[in-house]
Amino acid sequence: MVVPASQLAQQQMQSDTAAQVQEAEAVADHVRQVQARWFACLPDAEAAIAEYEGQGPGHRGRRPRPWRYHAVRYRSVADTRRTRRARRGRPAKMVPPPLESGYRLVVEVEALTNPEEDNGWTVLATTVSAEGGADGEILEAYQDQNTTVESGFRWIKNPAAIAPVWLEKPERIAALAMLTVLGLLVSSIIQRQVRLYLRTHDQQIPGNKGMTTAPTTAVVLALFAQVALVQLWIEGQEVIQLAGVQLYHRLVCDALSLDSSWYAVPLAQKNGRDIQTP
């Protein structure tokens, strides 16, 4: 499914314009370097052209295209240049300066135009049939998933997040994908509920850069890494020590409708002391 987007087209045009200016400077520098070279014979000049065009020895596969916004063509021309005299001393006035015959490369550059209608197209692969709605409606529904699993796909695009997949059967790969999506759904629900609770109750919890009302799920889960429950048996009696519990842990529990008593030591074990913190 391919859908046009005017805002995306404008962004791409601005990006292309900046890239064209940057590439034009690089092409101009490349032209100066190429035209400054001197070749003693035509085969050397033709070998250099083949190298610039990606057709030299050792190159396989498709011809490389180093320039995206410019077409660069090379041709060799015969030329002469002054060279050093073979003998020392001042030459006679009527003696012409010694010349050397050889070849230079001439570079022709043409700026490529990028039609406006080529910009601003969004390509979306989907299993939704045409009867399920128009292309624009399907794309809008897809983009509205920023509060569900869609934002989590930025995380799993990292190769270390979900790769390698040691599975071969298609049904097992599909099952892993389903579990991944379910995990992202749970992650998005945690983030949504915690942010909503903090805004509603005008509260904040520690984030990556100080206190925040809009933590990510990763930040919320990292807060509980410091909580530790230690169980000891001394002379047949169980002793429980709880460390690291703070007020924001209870806020998260309330936001997710979790029983905060999980992070409380039984009264019989407190011995008149409150929750222990490091």
Protein backbone atom coordinates (compact mmCIF):
# COMPACT_ATOMS: atom_id res chain seq x y z
CA MET A 1 0.00 0.00 0.00
CA VAL A 2 1.43 3.39 -1.07
CA VAL A 3 -0.11 6.60 0.27
CA PRO A 4 0.98 10.20 -0.51
CA ALA A 5 1.74 12.55 2.38
CA SER A 6 2.19 16.29 1.81
CA GLN A 7 4.01 16.91 5.10
CA LEU A 8 6.45 14.10 4.41
CA ALA A 9 6.98 15.44 0.89
CA GLN A 10 7.93 18.86 2.26
CA GLN A 11 10.38 17.31 4.71
CA GLN A 12 11.97 15.21 1.98
CA MET A 13 12.31 18.22 -0.32
CA GLN A 14 14.09 20.19 2.39
CA SER A 15 16.35 17.24 3.13
CA ASP A 16 17.11 16.72 -0.58
CA THR A 17 17.93 20.40 -1.06
CA ALA A 18 20.44 20.37 1.77
CA ALA A 19 21.95 17.10 0.51
CA GLN A 20 22.26 18.49 -3.03
CA VAL A 21 24.20 21.52 -1.80
CA GLN A 22 26.52 19.34 0.25
CA GLU A 23 27.07 16.91 -2.62
CA ALA A 24 27.71 19.77 -5.09
CA GLU A 25 30.64 20.90 -2.95
CA ALA A 26 32.03 17.36 -2.86
CA VAL A 27 31.63 17.00 -6.64
CA ALA A 28 33.46 20.28 -7.26
CA ASP A 29 36.36 19.10 -5.11
CA HIS A 30 36.36 15.77 -6.95
CA VAL A 31 36.47 17.51 -10.34
CA ARG A 32 39.48 19.61 -9.31
CA GLN A 33 41.38 16.52 -8.20
CA VAL A 34 40.58 14.54 -11.36
CA GLN A 35 41.42 17.33 -13.81
CA ALA A 36 44.74 17.96 -12.07
CA ARG A 37 46.01 14.47 -12.90
CA TRP A 38 48.40 13.88 -15.79
CA PHE A 39 48.74 10.66 -17.78
CA ALA A 40 51.66 9.74 -20.00
CA CYS A 41 49.61 7.49 -22.29
CA LEU A 42 46.03 6.88 -23.32
CA PRO A 43 45.73 3.43 -21.62
CA ASP A 44 46.58 5.02 -18.27
CA ALA A 45 43.89 7.65 -18.75
CA GLU A 46 41.31 5.03 -19.77
CA ALA A 47 42.23 2.89 -16.74
CA ALA A 48 41.66 5.89 -14.47
CA ILE A 49 38.24 6.51 -16.06
CA ALA A 50 37.31 2.87 -15.51
CA GLU A 51 38.36 3.18 -11.87
CA TYR A 52 36.29 6.31 -11.35
CA GLU A 53 33.27 4.64 -12.95
CA GLY A 54 33.67 1.50 -10.86
CA GLN A 55 34.73 -0.71 -13.79
CA GLY A 56 38.34 -1.21 -12.86
CA PRO A 57 39.96 -4.60 -12.15
CA GLY A 58 38.69 -6.36 -9.05
CA HIS A 59 35.27 -4.67 -9.05
CA ARG A 60 32.33 -7.06 -9.15
CA GLY A 61 28.59 -6.77 -8.94
CA ARG A 62 26.69 -3.60 -9.73
CA ARG A 63 28.58 -0.49 -10.66
CA PRO A 64 28.85 1.81 -7.65
CA ARG A 65 27.10 5.18 -7.79
CA PRO A 66 28.94 7.54 -5.49
CA TRP A 67 26.85 10.57 -6.52
CA ARG A 68 23.13 10.60 -5.87
CA TYR A 69 22.15 14.04 -7.16
CA HIS A 70 24.70 14.47 -9.97
CA ALA A 71 25.63 12.59 -13.13
CA VAL A 72 29.42 12.62 -13.60
CA ARG A 73 30.99 11.64 -16.93
CA TYR A 74 34.67 11.39 -17.79
CA ARG A 75 36.57 11.64 -21.07
CA SER A 76 40.23 11.87 -21.96
CA VAL A 77 41.80 14.57 -24.12
CA ALA A 78 45.29 14.90 -25.56
CA ASP A 79 47.28 17.79 -24.11
CA THR A 80 50.77 19.16 -23.71
CA ARG A 81 52.54 20.71 -20.79
CA ARG A 82 55.88 22.32 -20.15
CA THR A 83 58.61 20.11 -18.77
CA ARG A 84 62.13 20.51 -17.49
CA ARG A 85 65.00 21.02 -19.91
CA ALA A 86 67.40 18.16 -20.34
CA ARG A 87 70.47 20.46 -20.25
CA ARG A 88 71.52 22.94 -17.59
CA GLY A 89 72.10 26.61 -18.13
CA ARG A 90 70.10 29.46 -19.59
CA PRO A 91 68.42 28.57 -22.86
CA ALA A 92 68.69 30.76 -25.91
CA LYS A 93 65.96 33.35 -26.39
CA MET A 94 64.74 31.83 -29.63
CA VAL A 95 64.60 28.25 -28.30
CA PRO A 96 60.99 27.23 -27.50
CA PRO A 97 60.34 25.72 -24.06
CA PRO A 98 60.33 21.93 -23.96
CA LEU A 99 56.87 20.38 -24.03
CA GLU A 100 55.60 16.97 -23.00
CA SER A 101 52.65 15.23 -24.66
CA GLY A 102 50.15 13.33 -22.60
CA TYR A 103 46.51 13.13 -21.57
CA ARG A 104 44.21 14.75 -19.09
CA LEU A 105 40.69 13.93 -17.97
CA VAL A 106 37.78 16.24 -18.54
CA VAL A 107 34.84 15.91 -16.16
CA GLU A 108 31.31 16.83 -17.16
CA VAL A 109 28.82 17.26 -14.32
CA GLU A 110 25.06 17.40 -14.68
CA ALA A 111 22.74 18.09 -11.76
CA LEU A 112 19.90 15.58 -11.59
CA THR A 113 16.39 16.85 -11.02
CA ASN A 114 14.20 15.18 -8.46
CA PRO A 115 10.51 15.51 -9.44
CA GLU A 116 8.27 16.74 -6.65
CA GLU A 117 5.85 13.89 -7.23
CA ASP A 118 8.58 11.42 -6.22
CA ASN A 119 8.57 12.76 -2.65
CA GLY A 120 6.16 12.17 0.18
CA TRP A 121 5.11 8.57 -0.38
CA THR A 122 4.57 6.24 2.56
CA VAL A 123 4.89 2.52 1.85
CA LEU A 124 3.09 0.20 4.26
CA ALA A 125 2.95 -3.58 4.09
CA THR A 126 -0.26 -4.84 5.66
CA THR A 127 -2.52 -7.88 5.71
CA VAL A 128 -5.65 -5.73 5.78
CA SER A 129 -7.65 -6.24 2.60
CA ALA A 130 -9.05 -3.45 0.45
CA GLU A 131 -12.49 -4.12 1.93
CA GLY A 132 -11.16 -3.20 5.35
CA GLY A 133 -10.97 0.49 4.44
CA ALA A 134 -9.35 3.02 2.17
CA ASP A 135 -5.57 3.32 2.04
CA GLY A 136 -5.63 6.62 3.92
CA GLU A 137 -7.78 5.18 6.68
CA ILE A 138 -5.54 2.15 7.11
CA LEU A 139 -2.44 4.35 7.26
CA GLU A 140 -4.07 6.66 9.82
CA ALA A 141 -5.05 3.69 11.98
CA TYR A 142 -1.49 2.42 11.76
CA GLN A 143 0.05 5.76 12.75
CA ASP A 144 -2.40 6.13 15.66
CA GLN A 145 -0.75 3.14 17.34
CA ASN A 146 1.83 5.37 18.98
CA THR A 147 0.39 4.47 22.38
CA THR A 148 0.35 0.70 21.71
CA VAL A 149 3.09 -1.47 20.23
CA GLU A 150 4.21 0.82 17.43
CA SER A 151 6.69 2.81 19.51
CA GLY A 152 8.20 -0.43 20.79
CA PHE A 153 9.29 -1.45 17.29
CA ARG A 154 12.00 1.20 17.47
CA TRP A 155 13.50 -0.85 20.27
CA ILE A 156 13.33 -4.26 18.58
CA LYS A 157 14.94 -2.88 15.42
CA ASN A 158 18.17 -3.09 17.35
CA PRO A 159 19.77 -6.44 16.34
CA ALA A 160 20.67 -7.15 19.96
CA ALA A 161 17.04 -6.87 21.05
CA ILE A 162 15.50 -9.82 19.24
CA ALA A 163 18.31 -11.45 17.25
CA PRO A 164 19.52 -14.06 16.73
CA VAL A 165 16.36 -16.13 16.45
CA TRP A 166 17.28 -19.78 16.94
CA LEU A 167 14.09 -21.04 15.32
CA GLU A 168 13.45 -22.73 11.99
CA LYS A 169 9.78 -23.72 11.83
CA PRO A 170 7.51 -20.92 10.60
CA GLU A 171 4.92 -21.61 13.29
CA ARG A 172 7.51 -21.20 16.04
CA ILE A 173 8.81 -17.98 14.52
CA ALA A 174 5.21 -16.72 14.38
CA ALA A 175 4.72 -17.70 18.02
CA LEU A 176 7.84 -15.75 19.01
CA ALA A 177 6.58 -12.74 17.09
CA MET A 178 3.21 -12.99 18.87
CA LEU A 179 4.90 -13.15 22.28
CA THR A 180 7.01 -10.13 21.34
CA VAL A 181 3.92 -8.14 20.39
CA LEU A 182 2.18 -9.17 23.62
CA GLY A 183 5.21 -8.05 25.59
CA LEU A 184 5.16 -4.71 23.81
CA LEU A 185 1.46 -4.36 24.60
CA VAL A 186 2.12 -4.93 28.30
CA SER A 187 5.02 -2.47 28.15
CA SER A 188 2.86 0.21 26.52
CA ILE A 189 0.08 -0.31 29.08
CA ILE A 190 2.55 0.12 31.96
CA GLN A 191 3.86 3.34 30.43
CA ARG A 192 0.37 4.71 29.73
CA GLN A 193 -1.04 3.94 33.18
CA VAL A 194 1.95 5.32 35.10
CA ARG A 195 2.01 8.55 33.10
CA LEU A 196 -1.74 9.00 33.45
CA TYR A 197 -1.61 8.42 37.22
CA LEU A 198 1.28 10.84 37.72
CA ARG A 199 -0.42 13.60 35.75
CA THR A 200 -3.75 13.06 37.48
CA HIS A 201 -2.25 13.09 40.99
CA ASP A 202 0.41 15.74 40.26
CA GLN A 203 3.26 13.42 41.21
CA GLN A 204 6.75 12.76 39.85
CA ILE A 205 9.19 9.87 39.93
CA PRO A 206 12.93 9.74 39.16
CA GLY A 207 13.79 9.62 35.46
CA ASN A 208 16.94 9.64 33.38
CA LYS A 209 17.37 13.39 33.86
CA GLY A 210 15.79 14.20 37.20
CA MET A 211 12.17 13.97 38.27
CA THR A 212 9.60 13.40 35.54
CA THR A 213 5.90 12.85 34.95
CA ALA A 214 6.42 10.97 31.67
CA PRO A 215 8.70 8.01 32.35
CA THR A 216 9.16 5.19 29.89
CA THR A 217 8.51 1.59 30.83
CA ALA A 218 12.25 0.94 30.92
CA VAL A 219 12.67 3.73 33.50
CA VAL A 220 9.80 2.42 35.60
CA LEU A 221 11.19 -1.11 35.68
CA ALA A 222 14.70 0.15 36.41
CA LEU A 223 13.43 1.84 39.56
CA PHE A 224 12.62 -1.55 41.07
CA ALA A 225 16.11 -2.92 40.43
CA GLN A 226 17.29 -1.50 43.77
CA VAL A 227 14.56 -3.25 45.78
CA ALA A 228 15.84 -6.33 47.56
CA LEU A 229 14.09 -8.80 49.86
CA VAL A 230 16.40 -10.84 52.07
CA GLN A 231 15.14 -13.87 54.00
CA LEU A 232 17.27 -15.30 56.79
CA TRP A 233 16.74 -18.19 59.19
CA ILE A 234 18.41 -17.64 62.54
CA GLU A 235 18.03 -20.42 65.06
CA GLY A 236 14.94 -21.68 63.31
CA GLN A 237 13.29 -18.27 63.12
CA GLU A 238 12.70 -16.52 59.81
CA VAL A 239 13.96 -12.94 59.59
CA ILE A 240 12.95 -10.76 56.63
CA GLN A 241 14.78 -7.59 55.64
CA LEU A 242 13.44 -5.34 52.88
CA ALA A 243 15.75 -2.74 51.36
CA GLY A 244 15.43 -0.03 48.76
CA VAL A 245 11.67 0.66 48.88
CA GLN A 246 10.84 4.32 48.34
CA LEU A 247 7.64 6.34 48.04
CA TYR A 248 7.76 6.32 44.24
CA HIS A 249 7.63 2.51 44.26
CA ARG A 250 4.27 2.71 46.00
CA LEU A 251 3.14 5.34 43.48
CA VAL A 252 3.89 2.93 40.65
CA CYS A 253 2.03 0.16 42.41
CA ASP A 254 -1.00 2.39 42.86
CA ALA A 255 -0.84 3.45 39.20
CA LEU A 256 -0.85 -0.18 38.04
CA SER A 257 -3.40 -1.32 40.64
CA LEU A 258 -0.84 -3.59 42.26
CA ASP A 259 -0.91 -4.54 45.91
CA SER A 260 1.88 -2.49 47.50
CA SER A 261 1.89 -4.85 50.48
CA TRP A 262 4.18 -7.04 48.40
CA TYR A 263 6.89 -4.53 49.28
CA ALA A 264 6.19 -4.52 53.03
CA VAL A 265 7.68 -6.68 55.73
CA PRO A 266 5.10 -8.60 57.79
CA LEU A 267 4.35 -6.92 61.14
CA ALA A 268 5.66 -9.91 63.05
CA GLN A 269 9.06 -9.40 61.45
CA LYS A 270 9.41 -5.61 61.71
CA ASN A 271 10.14 -5.63 65.47
CA GLY A 272 9.10 -2.02 65.74
CA ARG A 273 11.24 -0.92 62.76
CA ASP A 274 10.07 0.55 59.50
CA ILE A 275 11.14 -0.56 56.08
CA GLN A 276 14.90 -0.78 55.84
CA THR A 277 16.69 1.26 53.20
CA PRO A 278 20.34 1.13 52.23
